[in-house]
Amino acid sequence: MHRFISASACMLLLATAVPASAGKWVDYAPQKGYWEIRYVKVDPNRIDEYLAQAKIGWMPGEEALKRRGLIYGYQVMVSITPASGRANVIFCVHHVSFANLDPSKARNDFRVRPRMWARRMPYCYGFFFTASR
């Protein structure tokens, strides 16, 4: 009998519960594009050097992409617990659309200033920067 009362109470709660829903364009606005997020593990005592190198090597390239309209923006975030054992620097780039991944002759023919890339290359190997004294 006790089981029957519990089961009927559960059924009554499920039948009368109002589903919570968010209305599009009322509670939130969908974003276009996609986010590329990269996590990097840096020694906690080297984070300042790493971010200084990222400002020299990574940010000029992102600014060039932003000027050309290929990305909306970018962010660099640092964990508040840098010695947690996980990635402690996060690079986020908000791309305009997945269409930018398709091959494009116009983008291929675009020439980036050689001076910017010459300044970027000694510091950056992919996304891992050298931080040695």
N, C-alpha and C. Protein backbone atom coordinates (compact mmCIF):
# COMPACT_ATOMS: atom_id res chain seq x y z
N MET A 1 0.81 -1.19 0.00
CA MET A 1 0.00 0.00 0.00
C MET A 1 0.87 1.27 0.00
N HIS A 2 1.94 1.21 0.81
CA HIS A 2 2.84 2.37 0.87
C HIS A 2 3.50 2.62 -0.49
N ARG A 3 3.86 1.54 -1.19
CA ARG A 3 4.48 1.65 -2.51
C ARG A 3 3.50 2.26 -3.51
N PHE A 4 2.23 1.89 -3.41
CA PHE A 4 1.21 2.42 -4.32
C PHE A 4 1.04 3.92 -4.12
N ILE A 5 1.05 4.37 -2.87
CA ILE A 5 0.89 5.80 -2.59
C ILE A 5 2.09 6.58 -3.10
N SER A 6 3.31 6.03 -2.92
CA SER A 6 4.50 6.69 -3.41
C SER A 6 4.49 6.79 -4.93
N ALA A 7 4.09 5.71 -5.59
CA ALA A 7 4.06 5.70 -7.05
C ALA A 7 3.01 6.68 -7.57
N SER A 8 1.86 6.74 -6.93
CA SER A 8 0.82 7.66 -7.40
C SER A 8 1.22 9.11 -7.14
N ALA A 9 1.93 9.37 -6.05
CA ALA A 9 2.40 10.73 -5.78
C ALA A 9 3.42 11.16 -6.83
N CYS A 10 4.30 10.25 -7.21
CA CYS A 10 5.28 10.56 -8.27
C CYS A 10 4.58 10.83 -9.60
N MET A 11 3.58 10.02 -9.93
CA MET A 11 2.85 10.21 -11.18
C MET A 11 2.11 11.55 -11.18
N LEU A 12 1.57 11.92 -10.04
CA LEU A 12 0.87 13.20 -9.94
C LEU A 12 1.84 14.36 -10.12
N LEU A 13 3.03 14.26 -9.52
CA LEU A 13 4.03 15.32 -9.69
C LEU A 13 4.49 15.44 -11.13
N LEU A 14 4.72 14.31 -11.80
CA LEU A 14 5.15 14.34 -13.20
C LEU A 14 4.07 14.90 -14.11
N ALA A 15 2.82 14.60 -13.81
CA ALA A 15 1.72 15.06 -14.66
C ALA A 15 1.47 16.55 -14.50
N THR A 16 1.72 17.10 -13.31
CA THR A 16 1.40 18.51 -13.08
C THR A 16 2.61 19.43 -13.21
N ALA A 17 3.78 18.87 -13.41
CA ALA A 17 4.98 19.71 -13.51
C ALA A 17 4.96 20.50 -14.81
N VAL A 18 5.30 21.77 -14.72
CA VAL A 18 5.36 22.64 -15.89
C VAL A 18 6.80 22.61 -16.41
N PRO A 19 6.99 22.21 -17.65
CA PRO A 19 8.37 22.17 -18.16
C PRO A 19 8.95 23.58 -18.29
N ALA A 20 10.16 23.73 -17.83
CA ALA A 20 10.86 25.01 -17.95
C ALA A 20 11.46 25.10 -19.35
N SER A 21 11.18 26.17 -20.02
CA SER A 21 11.73 26.34 -21.36
C SER A 21 12.13 27.80 -21.54
N ALA A 22 13.11 27.97 -22.37
CA ALA A 22 13.59 29.31 -22.69
C ALA A 22 13.14 29.65 -24.11
N GLY A 23 12.57 30.80 -24.26
CA GLY A 23 12.11 31.22 -25.57
C GLY A 23 13.23 31.89 -26.36
N LYS A 24 13.43 31.40 -27.59
CA LYS A 24 14.47 32.00 -28.43
C LYS A 24 14.10 33.44 -28.74
N TRP A 25 15.07 34.32 -28.72
CA TRP A 25 14.96 35.76 -28.93
C TRP A 25 14.30 36.47 -27.75
N VAL A 26 13.82 35.73 -26.75
CA VAL A 26 13.26 36.35 -25.55
C VAL A 26 14.26 36.24 -24.41
N ASP A 27 14.66 34.99 -24.10
CA ASP A 27 15.59 34.75 -23.01
C ASP A 27 17.05 34.74 -23.47
N TYR A 28 17.29 34.48 -24.71
CA TYR A 28 18.65 34.45 -25.24
C TYR A 28 18.61 34.70 -26.74
N ALA A 29 19.74 35.09 -27.28
CA ALA A 29 19.87 35.29 -28.72
C ALA A 29 20.94 34.34 -29.23
N PRO A 30 20.61 33.49 -30.18
CA PRO A 30 21.62 32.57 -30.71
C PRO A 30 22.75 33.33 -31.41
N GLN A 31 23.95 32.83 -31.25
CA GLN A 31 25.11 33.46 -31.89
C GLN A 31 25.40 32.79 -33.20
N LYS A 32 25.91 33.57 -34.12
CA LYS A 32 26.39 32.99 -35.37
C LYS A 32 27.84 32.60 -35.18
N GLY A 33 28.31 31.72 -36.01
CA GLY A 33 29.70 31.32 -35.94
C GLY A 33 29.93 30.23 -34.92
N TYR A 34 31.19 30.03 -34.59
CA TYR A 34 31.56 29.01 -33.62
C TYR A 34 32.76 29.47 -32.83
N TRP A 35 32.97 28.85 -31.68
CA TRP A 35 34.09 29.18 -30.80
C TRP A 35 35.15 28.10 -30.93
N GLU A 36 36.37 28.52 -31.13
CA GLU A 36 37.52 27.61 -31.08
C GLU A 36 38.20 27.86 -29.74
N ILE A 37 38.31 26.81 -28.94
CA ILE A 37 38.87 26.95 -27.60
C ILE A 37 40.07 26.03 -27.48
N ARG A 38 41.20 26.60 -27.06
CA ARG A 38 42.43 25.82 -26.88
C ARG A 38 42.91 25.97 -25.44
N TYR A 39 43.19 24.84 -24.84
CA TYR A 39 43.66 24.81 -23.47
C TYR A 39 45.16 24.53 -23.47
N VAL A 40 45.90 25.29 -22.68
CA VAL A 40 47.35 25.13 -22.63
C VAL A 40 47.76 25.02 -21.17
N LYS A 41 48.62 24.06 -20.88
CA LYS A 41 49.18 23.90 -19.54
C LYS A 41 50.53 24.59 -19.51
N VAL A 42 50.67 25.57 -18.63
CA VAL A 42 51.90 26.34 -18.49
C VAL A 42 52.34 26.21 -17.04
N ASP A 43 53.65 26.15 -16.81
CA ASP A 43 54.14 26.15 -15.43
C ASP A 43 53.61 27.38 -14.71
N PRO A 44 53.13 27.23 -13.48
CA PRO A 44 52.53 28.37 -12.78
C PRO A 44 53.47 29.57 -12.63
N ASN A 45 54.75 29.33 -12.51
CA ASN A 45 55.68 30.46 -12.35
C ASN A 45 56.08 31.08 -13.68
N ARG A 46 55.58 30.56 -14.81
CA ARG A 46 55.91 31.07 -16.15
C ARG A 46 54.72 31.69 -16.87
N ILE A 47 53.60 31.84 -16.21
CA ILE A 47 52.40 32.33 -16.89
C ILE A 47 52.59 33.75 -17.41
N ASP A 48 53.20 34.61 -16.62
CA ASP A 48 53.40 36.00 -17.06
C ASP A 48 54.27 36.06 -18.30
N GLU A 49 55.35 35.27 -18.34
CA GLU A 49 56.21 35.24 -19.53
C GLU A 49 55.46 34.70 -20.73
N TYR A 50 54.66 33.66 -20.50
CA TYR A 50 53.90 33.04 -21.58
C TYR A 50 52.91 34.04 -22.18
N LEU A 51 52.22 34.79 -21.32
CA LEU A 51 51.25 35.77 -21.82
C LEU A 51 51.93 36.93 -22.53
N ALA A 52 53.12 37.31 -22.06
CA ALA A 52 53.87 38.36 -22.76
C ALA A 52 54.26 37.89 -24.16
N GLN A 53 54.68 36.63 -24.29
CA GLN A 53 55.02 36.09 -25.61
C GLN A 53 53.77 35.96 -26.48
N ALA A 54 52.63 35.60 -25.88
CA ALA A 54 51.38 35.49 -26.64
C ALA A 54 50.96 36.86 -27.17
N LYS A 55 51.21 37.89 -26.39
CA LYS A 55 50.86 39.24 -26.84
C LYS A 55 51.71 39.65 -28.04
N ILE A 56 52.95 39.19 -28.09
CA ILE A 56 53.83 39.50 -29.21
C ILE A 56 53.55 38.59 -30.40
N GLY A 57 53.34 37.30 -30.15
CA GLY A 57 53.27 36.34 -31.24
C GLY A 57 51.89 35.94 -31.69
N TRP A 58 50.91 35.84 -30.79
CA TRP A 58 49.59 35.33 -31.14
C TRP A 58 48.61 36.45 -31.46
N MET A 59 48.61 37.50 -30.67
CA MET A 59 47.62 38.55 -30.82
C MET A 59 47.70 39.32 -32.14
N PRO A 60 48.87 39.62 -32.69
CA PRO A 60 48.89 40.32 -33.98
C PRO A 60 48.21 39.52 -35.10
N GLY A 61 48.38 38.21 -35.09
CA GLY A 61 47.70 37.39 -36.09
C GLY A 61 46.20 37.41 -35.93
N GLU A 62 45.74 37.37 -34.68
CA GLU A 62 44.30 37.43 -34.43
C GLU A 62 43.74 38.80 -34.79
N GLU A 63 44.50 39.87 -34.54
CA GLU A 63 44.06 41.20 -34.92
C GLU A 63 43.94 41.32 -36.44
N ALA A 64 44.87 40.71 -37.17
CA ALA A 64 44.79 40.72 -38.64
C ALA A 64 43.55 39.99 -39.12
N LEU A 65 43.24 38.84 -38.50
CA LEU A 65 42.03 38.11 -38.88
C LEU A 65 40.77 38.91 -38.54
N LYS A 66 40.81 39.62 -37.43
CA LYS A 66 39.66 40.43 -37.03
C LYS A 66 39.45 41.59 -37.99
N ARG A 67 40.54 42.25 -38.42
CA ARG A 67 40.43 43.35 -39.39
C ARG A 67 39.87 42.87 -40.72
N ARG A 68 40.20 41.64 -41.11
CA ARG A 68 39.71 41.09 -42.37
C ARG A 68 38.29 40.54 -42.25
N GLY A 69 37.75 40.48 -41.04
CA GLY A 69 36.38 40.02 -40.85
C GLY A 69 36.23 38.51 -40.77
N LEU A 70 37.33 37.78 -40.56
CA LEU A 70 37.25 36.33 -40.48
C LEU A 70 36.90 35.85 -39.07
N ILE A 71 37.13 36.68 -38.06
CA ILE A 71 36.73 36.35 -36.70
C ILE A 71 36.01 37.55 -36.09
N TYR A 72 35.15 37.27 -35.13
CA TYR A 72 34.47 38.35 -34.40
C TYR A 72 35.38 38.91 -33.31
N GLY A 73 36.11 38.04 -32.66
CA GLY A 73 36.95 38.48 -31.57
C GLY A 73 37.71 37.31 -30.96
N TYR A 74 38.50 37.61 -29.95
CA TYR A 74 39.30 36.58 -29.28
C TYR A 74 39.46 36.96 -27.82
N GLN A 75 39.77 35.97 -27.00
CA GLN A 75 39.97 36.17 -25.57
C GLN A 75 41.10 35.27 -25.10
N VAL A 76 41.78 35.72 -24.08
CA VAL A 76 42.76 34.90 -23.38
C VAL A 76 42.35 34.89 -21.92
N MET A 77 42.17 33.71 -21.37
CA MET A 77 41.76 33.60 -19.97
C MET A 77 42.79 32.78 -19.20
N VAL A 78 42.97 33.13 -17.94
CA VAL A 78 43.91 32.43 -17.07
C VAL A 78 43.13 31.89 -15.89
N SER A 79 43.40 30.65 -15.51
CA SER A 79 42.73 30.02 -14.39
C SER A 79 43.11 30.70 -13.08
N ILE A 80 42.16 30.74 -12.15
CA ILE A 80 42.47 31.33 -10.85
C ILE A 80 43.22 30.34 -9.96
N THR A 81 43.26 29.09 -10.38
CA THR A 81 44.07 28.08 -9.66
C THR A 81 45.09 27.51 -10.64
N PRO A 82 46.18 28.23 -10.88
CA PRO A 82 47.12 27.81 -11.93
C PRO A 82 47.86 26.51 -11.63
N ALA A 83 47.95 26.10 -10.38
CA ALA A 83 48.69 24.88 -10.06
C ALA A 83 47.76 23.71 -9.86
N SER A 84 46.58 23.73 -10.46
CA SER A 84 45.59 22.68 -10.25
C SER A 84 45.93 21.39 -10.99
N GLY A 85 46.89 21.43 -11.89
CA GLY A 85 47.25 20.23 -12.63
C GLY A 85 46.59 20.16 -14.00
N ARG A 86 45.66 21.03 -14.26
CA ARG A 86 44.98 21.07 -15.55
C ARG A 86 45.50 22.25 -16.35
N ALA A 87 44.91 22.44 -17.52
CA ALA A 87 45.29 23.60 -18.33
C ALA A 87 44.96 24.88 -17.58
N ASN A 88 45.87 25.84 -17.64
CA ASN A 88 45.64 27.06 -16.88
C ASN A 88 45.59 28.31 -17.74
N VAL A 89 45.83 28.19 -19.04
CA VAL A 89 45.66 29.31 -19.97
C VAL A 89 44.71 28.83 -21.06
N ILE A 90 43.70 29.65 -21.35
CA ILE A 90 42.69 29.27 -22.33
C ILE A 90 42.63 30.35 -23.41
N PHE A 91 42.78 29.93 -24.67
CA PHE A 91 42.68 30.83 -25.82
C PHE A 91 41.33 30.57 -26.49
N CYS A 92 40.52 31.60 -26.64
CA CYS A 92 39.20 31.48 -27.27
C CYS A 92 39.15 32.40 -28.48
N VAL A 93 38.69 31.86 -29.60
CA VAL A 93 38.53 32.64 -30.83
C VAL A 93 37.11 32.42 -31.33
N HIS A 94 36.37 33.51 -31.55
CA HIS A 94 35.00 33.43 -32.06
C HIS A 94 35.03 33.63 -33.57
N HIS A 95 34.90 32.55 -34.32
CA HIS A 95 34.93 32.58 -35.78
C HIS A 95 33.58 33.00 -36.33
N VAL A 96 33.60 33.60 -37.51
CA VAL A 96 32.38 34.10 -38.14
C VAL A 96 31.50 32.94 -38.58
N SER A 97 32.07 31.95 -39.27
CA SER A 97 31.27 30.80 -39.71
C SER A 97 32.19 29.64 -40.07
N PHE A 98 31.58 28.47 -40.21
CA PHE A 98 32.34 27.30 -40.62
C PHE A 98 32.77 27.40 -42.08
N ALA A 99 32.19 28.31 -42.83
CA ALA A 99 32.56 28.49 -44.24
C ALA A 99 34.01 28.94 -44.37
N ASN A 100 34.58 29.52 -43.32
CA ASN A 100 35.98 29.94 -43.37
C ASN A 100 36.93 28.75 -43.42
N LEU A 101 36.44 27.57 -43.10
CA LEU A 101 37.29 26.38 -43.17
C LEU A 101 37.38 25.83 -44.59
N ASP A 102 36.45 26.25 -45.46
CA ASP A 102 36.47 25.79 -46.85
C ASP A 102 37.62 26.47 -47.60
N PRO A 103 38.16 25.80 -48.63
CA PRO A 103 39.23 26.42 -49.42
C PRO A 103 38.71 27.66 -50.16
N SER A 104 39.56 28.68 -50.23
CA SER A 104 39.17 29.91 -50.90
C SER A 104 40.38 30.50 -51.61
N LYS A 105 40.26 30.71 -52.91
CA LYS A 105 41.36 31.29 -53.66
C LYS A 105 41.63 32.73 -53.23
N ALA A 106 40.56 33.48 -52.92
CA ALA A 106 40.73 34.87 -52.49
C ALA A 106 41.53 34.95 -51.19
N ARG A 107 41.25 34.06 -50.24
CA ARG A 107 42.01 34.06 -48.99
C ARG A 107 43.43 33.57 -49.21
N ASN A 108 43.60 32.64 -50.15
CA ASN A 108 44.94 32.12 -50.45
C ASN A 108 45.82 33.19 -51.07
N ASP A 109 45.22 34.05 -51.89
CA ASP A 109 46.01 35.08 -52.58
C ASP A 109 46.31 36.28 -51.70
N PHE A 110 45.64 36.37 -50.56
CA PHE A 110 45.88 37.49 -49.66
C PHE A 110 47.29 37.37 -49.07
N ARG A 111 48.02 38.45 -49.12
CA ARG A 111 49.39 38.45 -48.60
C ARG A 111 49.43 39.16 -47.26
N VAL A 112 49.89 38.49 -46.25
CA VAL A 112 50.06 39.11 -44.94
C VAL A 112 51.41 39.80 -44.93
N ARG A 113 51.49 40.91 -44.24
CA ARG A 113 52.75 41.64 -44.20
C ARG A 113 53.86 40.74 -43.67
N PRO A 114 54.97 40.59 -44.38
CA PRO A 114 56.03 39.70 -43.93
C PRO A 114 56.62 40.11 -42.59
N ARG A 115 56.59 41.41 -42.30
CA ARG A 115 57.18 41.87 -41.04
C ARG A 115 56.45 41.28 -39.85
N MET A 116 55.11 41.18 -39.94
CA MET A 116 54.34 40.63 -38.84
C MET A 116 54.69 39.17 -38.61
N TRP A 117 54.79 38.39 -39.71
CA TRP A 117 55.08 36.96 -39.56
C TRP A 117 56.52 36.75 -39.12
N ALA A 118 57.44 37.61 -39.55
CA ALA A 118 58.83 37.47 -39.11
C ALA A 118 58.93 37.71 -37.62
N ARG A 119 58.12 38.62 -37.12
CA ARG A 119 58.14 38.88 -35.68
C ARG A 119 57.47 37.74 -34.92
N ARG A 120 56.50 37.08 -35.55
CA ARG A 120 55.73 36.04 -34.86
C ARG A 120 56.47 34.70 -34.79
N MET A 121 57.18 34.34 -35.81
CA MET A 121 57.72 32.99 -35.92
C MET A 121 58.74 32.60 -34.85
N PRO A 122 59.69 33.44 -34.44
CA PRO A 122 60.65 32.95 -33.46
C PRO A 122 60.03 32.58 -32.12
N TYR A 123 58.88 33.15 -31.80
CA TYR A 123 58.29 32.91 -30.49
C TYR A 123 57.28 31.79 -30.49
N CYS A 124 56.70 31.49 -31.62
CA CYS A 124 55.54 30.61 -31.63
C CYS A 124 55.79 29.38 -32.49
N TYR A 125 55.56 28.22 -31.93
CA TYR A 125 55.58 26.96 -32.66
C TYR A 125 54.20 26.36 -32.47
N GLY A 126 53.29 26.63 -33.39
CA GLY A 126 51.90 26.23 -33.19
C GLY A 126 51.31 27.08 -32.10
N PHE A 127 50.97 26.48 -31.00
CA PHE A 127 50.41 27.21 -29.88
C PHE A 127 51.29 27.14 -28.66
N PHE A 128 52.44 26.52 -28.76
CA PHE A 128 53.31 26.37 -27.60
C PHE A 128 54.47 27.33 -27.71
N PHE A 129 54.58 28.24 -26.79
CA PHE A 129 55.59 29.26 -26.82
C PHE A 129 56.79 28.83 -25.98
N THR A 130 57.95 29.26 -26.37
CA THR A 130 59.14 28.97 -25.57
C THR A 130 59.30 30.07 -24.55
N ALA A 131 59.46 29.68 -23.32
CA ALA A 131 59.62 30.65 -22.24
C ALA A 131 60.87 30.26 -21.45
N SER A 132 62.01 30.64 -21.95
CA SER A 132 63.25 30.31 -21.26
C SER A 132 64.07 31.59 -21.07
N ARG A 133 64.85 31.60 -20.04
CA ARG A 133 65.67 32.79 -19.77
C ARG A 133 67.10 32.52 -20.15
